[in-house]
């Protein structure tokens, strides 16, 4: 076999190996992208569930506050006044 034939065979073998490497790399990247998308979907589902739970908790607190205000308006007014007074004292500058 001549040097030219050996070089041609070597080049063909290198092209084949490069093609296989490209195919493996393509499959690896596709798998990584799929795994990332699955992880993102899972995280979104967990966050949506927690967000819904927080919204429900917030609604419960508001409902309880409304009930307290309806049943004991003067106590609610006094508590709001005291909280406002304390907040004003804490945030007022001491110049």
Protein backbone atom coordinates (compact mmCIF):
# COMPACT_ATOMS: atom_id res chain seq x y z
CA UNK A 1 0.00 0.00 0.00
CA UNK A 2 1.39 3.40 -0.93
CA UNK A 3 1.79 6.37 1.39
CA UNK A 4 -1.03 8.13 -0.45
CA UNK A 5 -3.41 5.20 0.17
CA UNK A 6 -2.38 5.03 3.83
CA UNK A 7 -3.00 8.78 4.24
CA UNK A 8 -6.42 8.43 2.57
CA UNK A 9 -7.33 5.50 4.85
CA UNK A 10 -6.08 7.41 7.89
CA UNK A 11 -8.09 10.50 6.90
CA UNK A 12 -11.22 8.38 6.40
CA UNK A 13 -10.74 6.75 9.80
CA UNK A 14 -10.28 10.17 11.43
CA UNK A 15 -13.46 11.48 9.75
CA UNK A 16 -15.37 8.46 11.01
CA UNK A 17 -14.06 8.93 14.56
CA UNK A 18 -14.87 12.65 14.41
CA UNK A 19 -18.40 11.81 13.25
CA UNK A 20 -18.87 9.34 16.10
CA UNK A 21 -17.52 11.86 18.60
CA UNK A 22 -19.92 14.49 17.23
CA UNK A 23 -22.83 12.06 17.52
CA UNK A 24 -21.91 11.18 21.13
CA UNK A 25 -21.55 14.86 21.97
CA UNK A 26 -24.92 15.67 20.38
CA UNK A 27 -26.63 12.90 22.36
CA UNK A 28 -24.91 14.05 25.57
CA UNK A 29 -25.97 17.65 25.08
CA UNK A 30 -29.55 16.59 24.28
CA UNK A 31 -29.65 14.44 27.42
CA UNK A 32 -28.29 17.32 29.51
CA UNK A 33 -30.89 19.71 28.09
CA UNK A 34 -33.67 17.20 28.76
CA UNK A 35 -32.46 16.71 32.34
CA UNK A 36 -32.31 20.46 32.86
CA UNK A 37 -35.83 20.92 31.53
CA UNK A 38 -37.12 18.12 33.78
CA UNK A 39 -35.45 19.72 36.79
CA UNK A 40 -36.91 23.12 35.90
CA UNK A 41 -40.42 21.64 35.55
CA UNK A 42 -40.08 19.89 38.89
CA UNK A 43 -38.84 23.05 40.61
CA UNK A 44 -41.69 25.06 39.09
CA UNK A 45 -44.24 22.54 40.34
CA UNK A 46 -42.81 22.72 43.88
CA UNK A 47 -42.72 26.53 43.81
CA UNK A 48 -46.28 26.73 42.49
CA UNK A 49 -47.46 24.46 45.29
CA UNK A 50 -45.67 26.52 47.95
CA UNK A 51 -46.96 29.78 46.45
CA UNK A 52 -50.52 28.47 46.52
CA UNK A 53 -50.04 27.46 50.15
CA UNK A 54 -48.77 30.93 51.03
CA UNK A 55 -51.72 32.55 49.27
CA UNK A 56 -54.13 30.34 51.20
CA UNK A 57 -52.38 31.19 54.48
CA UNK A 58 -52.57 34.89 53.67
CA UNK A 59 -56.26 34.62 52.89
CA UNK A 60 -56.83 32.81 56.19
CA UNK A 61 -55.06 35.59 58.11
CA UNK A 62 -57.13 38.24 56.35
CA UNK A 63 -60.34 36.32 57.08
CA UNK A 64 -59.43 36.04 60.77
CA UNK A 65 -58.58 39.74 60.93
CA UNK A 66 -61.91 40.64 59.33
CA UNK A 67 -63.75 38.44 61.81
CA UNK A 68 -61.91 40.04 64.75
CA UNK A 69 -62.70 43.53 63.46
CA UNK A 70 -66.39 42.64 63.09
CA UNK A 71 -66.70 41.08 66.53
CA UNK A 72 -64.49 43.49 68.49
CA UNK A 73 -64.16 46.78 66.61
CA UNK A 74 -62.89 48.84 69.58
CA UNK A 75 -60.17 46.36 70.45
CA UNK A 76 -59.13 46.28 66.80
CA UNK A 77 -59.06 50.08 66.63
CA UNK A 78 -56.98 50.25 69.82
CA UNK A 79 -54.51 47.67 68.55
CA UNK A 80 -54.16 49.48 65.22
CA UNK A 81 -53.68 52.81 66.98
CA UNK A 82 -51.03 51.36 69.31
CA UNK A 83 -49.19 49.70 66.42
CA UNK A 84 -49.21 52.95 64.44
CA UNK A 85 -48.00 54.93 67.44
CA UNK A 86 -45.14 52.50 68.09
CA UNK A 87 -44.19 52.45 64.42
CA UNK A 88 -44.14 56.23 64.30
CA UNK A 89 -41.96 56.39 67.45
CA UNK A 90 -39.50 53.82 66.03
CA UNK A 91 -39.18 55.46 62.64
CA UNK A 92 -39.07 59.09 63.80
CA UNK A 93 -35.58 60.61 63.57
CA UNK A 94 -33.99 61.87 66.80
CA UNK A 95 -32.70 65.19 65.36
